[in-house]
Amino acid sequence: MSQAQPDPGNRYSVREEQGEQGWDVVILDPGGAPVWKRPCRTESEARTFGSTVRQHVYWLSEDKFREYYRLGEPG
């Protein structure tokens, strides 16, 4: 009897980093490549928004996450 493979979960990740004009929230695909970026005025704003995106990573499947953030298929 074969067993079902466990769902690996959503492999996307998010980070906050200093950008050219403030801070950026960056979504990384499962391979670690940046696929989405949102500028923020302050570090606090970036960390707050980044926390929201992390919750979406946790709650949503990869397909739903890509749909929500309008991301293409991972390369």
N, C-alpha and C. Protein backbone atom coordinates (compact mmCIF):
# COMPACT_ATOMS: atom_id res chain seq x y z
N MET A 1 0.84 -1.18 0.00
CA MET A 1 0.00 0.00 0.00
C MET A 1 0.89 1.24 0.00
N SER A 2 0.61 2.16 -0.91
CA SER A 2 1.42 3.39 -0.95
C SER A 2 0.77 4.44 -0.06
N GLN A 3 1.61 5.24 0.54
CA GLN A 3 1.13 6.31 1.40
C GLN A 3 1.18 7.63 0.65
N ALA A 4 0.22 8.49 0.95
CA ALA A 4 0.22 9.82 0.34
C ALA A 4 1.41 10.61 0.86
N GLN A 5 1.99 11.39 -0.02
CA GLN A 5 3.12 12.23 0.36
C GLN A 5 2.60 13.46 1.10
N PRO A 6 3.27 13.87 2.17
CA PRO A 6 2.82 15.07 2.88
C PRO A 6 2.98 16.31 2.02
N ASP A 7 2.08 17.27 2.19
CA ASP A 7 2.14 18.54 1.49
C ASP A 7 3.37 19.30 2.00
N PRO A 8 4.28 19.68 1.09
CA PRO A 8 5.49 20.38 1.56
C PRO A 8 5.21 21.79 2.06
N GLY A 9 3.99 22.26 1.86
CA GLY A 9 3.66 23.62 2.30
C GLY A 9 4.09 24.65 1.28
N ASN A 10 3.88 25.87 1.63
CA ASN A 10 4.23 26.99 0.76
C ASN A 10 5.71 27.29 0.96
N ARG A 11 6.47 27.18 -0.11
CA ARG A 11 7.92 27.37 -0.03
C ARG A 11 8.38 28.80 -0.36
N TYR A 12 7.43 29.70 -0.59
CA TYR A 12 7.79 31.11 -0.80
C TYR A 12 8.27 31.70 0.53
N SER A 13 9.05 32.75 0.45
CA SER A 13 9.52 33.44 1.66
C SER A 13 9.48 34.94 1.42
N VAL A 14 9.69 35.69 2.49
CA VAL A 14 9.63 37.15 2.40
C VAL A 14 10.74 37.74 3.25
N ARG A 15 11.25 38.87 2.80
CA ARG A 15 12.26 39.58 3.61
C ARG A 15 12.05 41.08 3.44
N GLU A 16 12.53 41.80 4.44
CA GLU A 16 12.53 43.26 4.38
C GLU A 16 13.99 43.68 4.22
N GLU A 17 14.21 44.68 3.38
CA GLU A 17 15.57 45.16 3.16
C GLU A 17 15.55 46.65 2.85
N GLN A 18 16.68 47.29 3.15
CA GLN A 18 16.80 48.71 2.79
C GLN A 18 16.86 48.82 1.29
N GLY A 19 16.02 49.70 0.75
CA GLY A 19 15.98 49.93 -0.69
C GLY A 19 16.62 51.25 -1.05
N GLU A 20 16.42 51.66 -2.29
CA GLU A 20 17.01 52.90 -2.77
C GLU A 20 16.37 54.13 -2.14
N GLN A 21 15.09 54.04 -1.81
CA GLN A 21 14.38 55.21 -1.27
C GLN A 21 13.62 54.85 0.00
N GLY A 22 14.17 54.02 0.81
CA GLY A 22 13.49 53.59 2.04
C GLY A 22 13.69 52.10 2.24
N TRP A 23 12.59 51.40 2.49
CA TRP A 23 12.64 49.96 2.73
C TRP A 23 11.78 49.25 1.70
N ASP A 24 12.13 47.99 1.41
CA ASP A 24 11.36 47.16 0.49
C ASP A 24 10.96 45.87 1.18
N VAL A 25 9.78 45.37 0.81
CA VAL A 25 9.36 44.02 1.17
C VAL A 25 9.49 43.21 -0.10
N VAL A 26 10.23 42.10 -0.03
CA VAL A 26 10.54 41.30 -1.20
C VAL A 26 10.03 39.88 -0.98
N ILE A 27 9.29 39.35 -1.98
CA ILE A 27 8.88 37.96 -1.96
C ILE A 27 9.89 37.18 -2.78
N LEU A 28 10.34 36.05 -2.22
CA LEU A 28 11.30 35.17 -2.89
C LEU A 28 10.59 33.88 -3.28
N ASP A 29 10.85 33.40 -4.50
CA ASP A 29 10.24 32.14 -4.93
C ASP A 29 10.93 30.96 -4.22
N PRO A 30 10.44 29.74 -4.41
CA PRO A 30 11.03 28.59 -3.72
C PRO A 30 12.53 28.40 -3.98
N GLY A 31 13.03 28.90 -5.10
CA GLY A 31 14.46 28.82 -5.39
C GLY A 31 15.28 29.95 -4.80
N GLY A 32 14.62 30.92 -4.16
CA GLY A 32 15.32 32.04 -3.54
C GLY A 32 15.44 33.28 -4.41
N ALA A 33 14.83 33.27 -5.58
CA ALA A 33 14.90 34.42 -6.49
C ALA A 33 13.81 35.44 -6.14
N PRO A 34 14.15 36.73 -6.14
CA PRO A 34 13.11 37.74 -5.88
C PRO A 34 12.12 37.79 -7.04
N VAL A 35 10.81 37.77 -6.70
CA VAL A 35 9.78 37.77 -7.74
C VAL A 35 8.76 38.89 -7.56
N TRP A 36 8.87 39.65 -6.46
CA TRP A 36 7.90 40.71 -6.17
C TRP A 36 8.52 41.66 -5.17
N LYS A 37 8.25 42.95 -5.33
CA LYS A 37 8.81 43.93 -4.39
C LYS A 37 7.82 45.06 -4.18
N ARG A 38 7.69 45.48 -2.91
CA ARG A 38 6.85 46.64 -2.58
C ARG A 38 7.68 47.61 -1.76
N PRO A 39 7.82 48.85 -2.23
CA PRO A 39 8.55 49.85 -1.44
C PRO A 39 7.73 50.32 -0.25
N CYS A 40 8.42 50.62 0.83
CA CYS A 40 7.81 51.16 2.05
C CYS A 40 8.63 52.36 2.50
N ARG A 41 8.00 53.30 3.17
CA ARG A 41 8.70 54.51 3.57
C ARG A 41 9.64 54.29 4.76
N THR A 42 9.22 53.43 5.69
CA THR A 42 10.01 53.24 6.91
C THR A 42 10.25 51.76 7.18
N GLU A 43 11.21 51.48 8.03
CA GLU A 43 11.48 50.10 8.43
C GLU A 43 10.26 49.50 9.13
N SER A 44 9.62 50.30 9.97
CA SER A 44 8.44 49.83 10.70
C SER A 44 7.32 49.42 9.74
N GLU A 45 7.08 50.23 8.74
CA GLU A 45 6.06 49.91 7.73
C GLU A 45 6.43 48.62 7.00
N ALA A 46 7.70 48.48 6.63
CA ALA A 46 8.14 47.28 5.93
C ALA A 46 7.99 46.04 6.80
N ARG A 47 8.36 46.12 8.05
CA ARG A 47 8.24 44.96 8.95
C ARG A 47 6.78 44.59 9.19
N THR A 48 5.92 45.59 9.31
CA THR A 48 4.50 45.32 9.50
C THR A 48 3.91 44.64 8.27
N PHE A 49 4.19 45.18 7.09
CA PHE A 49 3.67 44.58 5.86
C PHE A 49 4.30 43.21 5.62
N GLY A 50 5.61 43.08 5.89
CA GLY A 50 6.28 41.79 5.74
C GLY A 50 5.64 40.72 6.62
N SER A 51 5.23 41.10 7.81
CA SER A 51 4.56 40.16 8.71
C SER A 51 3.24 39.67 8.11
N THR A 52 2.51 40.57 7.47
CA THR A 52 1.26 40.18 6.81
C THR A 52 1.52 39.19 5.69
N VAL A 53 2.55 39.47 4.88
CA VAL A 53 2.89 38.56 3.78
C VAL A 53 3.30 37.20 4.33
N ARG A 54 4.06 37.17 5.44
CA ARG A 54 4.45 35.89 6.05
C ARG A 54 3.24 35.09 6.49
N GLN A 55 2.22 35.78 7.00
CA GLN A 55 0.99 35.07 7.38
C GLN A 55 0.35 34.46 6.14
N HIS A 56 0.36 35.17 5.03
CA HIS A 56 -0.20 34.62 3.80
C HIS A 56 0.60 33.41 3.33
N VAL A 57 1.92 33.45 3.47
CA VAL A 57 2.76 32.29 3.12
C VAL A 57 2.31 31.09 3.94
N TYR A 58 2.09 31.31 5.22
CA TYR A 58 1.71 30.23 6.13
C TYR A 58 0.30 29.71 5.83
N TRP A 59 -0.65 30.62 5.57
CA TRP A 59 -2.05 30.24 5.41
C TRP A 59 -2.42 29.71 4.04
N LEU A 60 -1.77 30.21 2.98
CA LEU A 60 -2.18 29.90 1.61
C LEU A 60 -1.30 28.84 0.97
N SER A 61 -1.89 28.04 0.10
CA SER A 61 -1.09 27.13 -0.72
C SER A 61 -0.25 27.97 -1.68
N GLU A 62 0.76 27.34 -2.27
CA GLU A 62 1.58 28.09 -3.24
C GLU A 62 0.73 28.61 -4.39
N ASP A 63 -0.20 27.80 -4.88
CA ASP A 63 -1.05 28.25 -5.99
C ASP A 63 -1.87 29.47 -5.61
N LYS A 64 -2.52 29.43 -4.45
CA LYS A 64 -3.33 30.56 -4.00
C LYS A 64 -2.47 31.78 -3.70
N PHE A 65 -1.28 31.56 -3.15
CA PHE A 65 -0.35 32.66 -2.87
C PHE A 65 0.06 33.34 -4.17
N ARG A 66 0.42 32.55 -5.19
CA ARG A 66 0.80 33.12 -6.50
C ARG A 66 -0.37 33.89 -7.10
N GLU A 67 -1.57 33.36 -6.96
CA GLU A 67 -2.76 34.03 -7.49
C GLU A 67 -2.98 35.36 -6.76
N TYR A 68 -2.90 35.34 -5.45
CA TYR A 68 -3.16 36.53 -4.64
C TYR A 68 -2.17 37.66 -4.96
N TYR A 69 -0.88 37.31 -5.09
CA TYR A 69 0.16 38.31 -5.36
C TYR A 69 0.47 38.44 -6.86
N ARG A 70 -0.29 37.73 -7.68
CA ARG A 70 -0.13 37.79 -9.15
C ARG A 70 1.29 37.45 -9.59
N LEU A 71 1.78 36.33 -9.05
CA LEU A 71 3.13 35.86 -9.38
C LEU A 71 3.05 34.81 -10.48
N GLY A 72 4.10 34.72 -11.28
CA GLY A 72 4.18 33.67 -12.28
C GLY A 72 4.61 32.36 -11.63
N GLU A 73 4.62 31.32 -12.41
CA GLU A 73 5.11 30.02 -11.94
C GLU A 73 6.59 30.16 -11.57
N PRO A 74 7.03 29.44 -10.51
CA PRO A 74 8.46 29.53 -10.15
C PRO A 74 9.32 28.97 -11.26
N GLY A 75 10.48 29.60 -11.46
CA GLY A 75 11.38 29.23 -12.54
C GLY A 75 12.25 28.15 -12.13
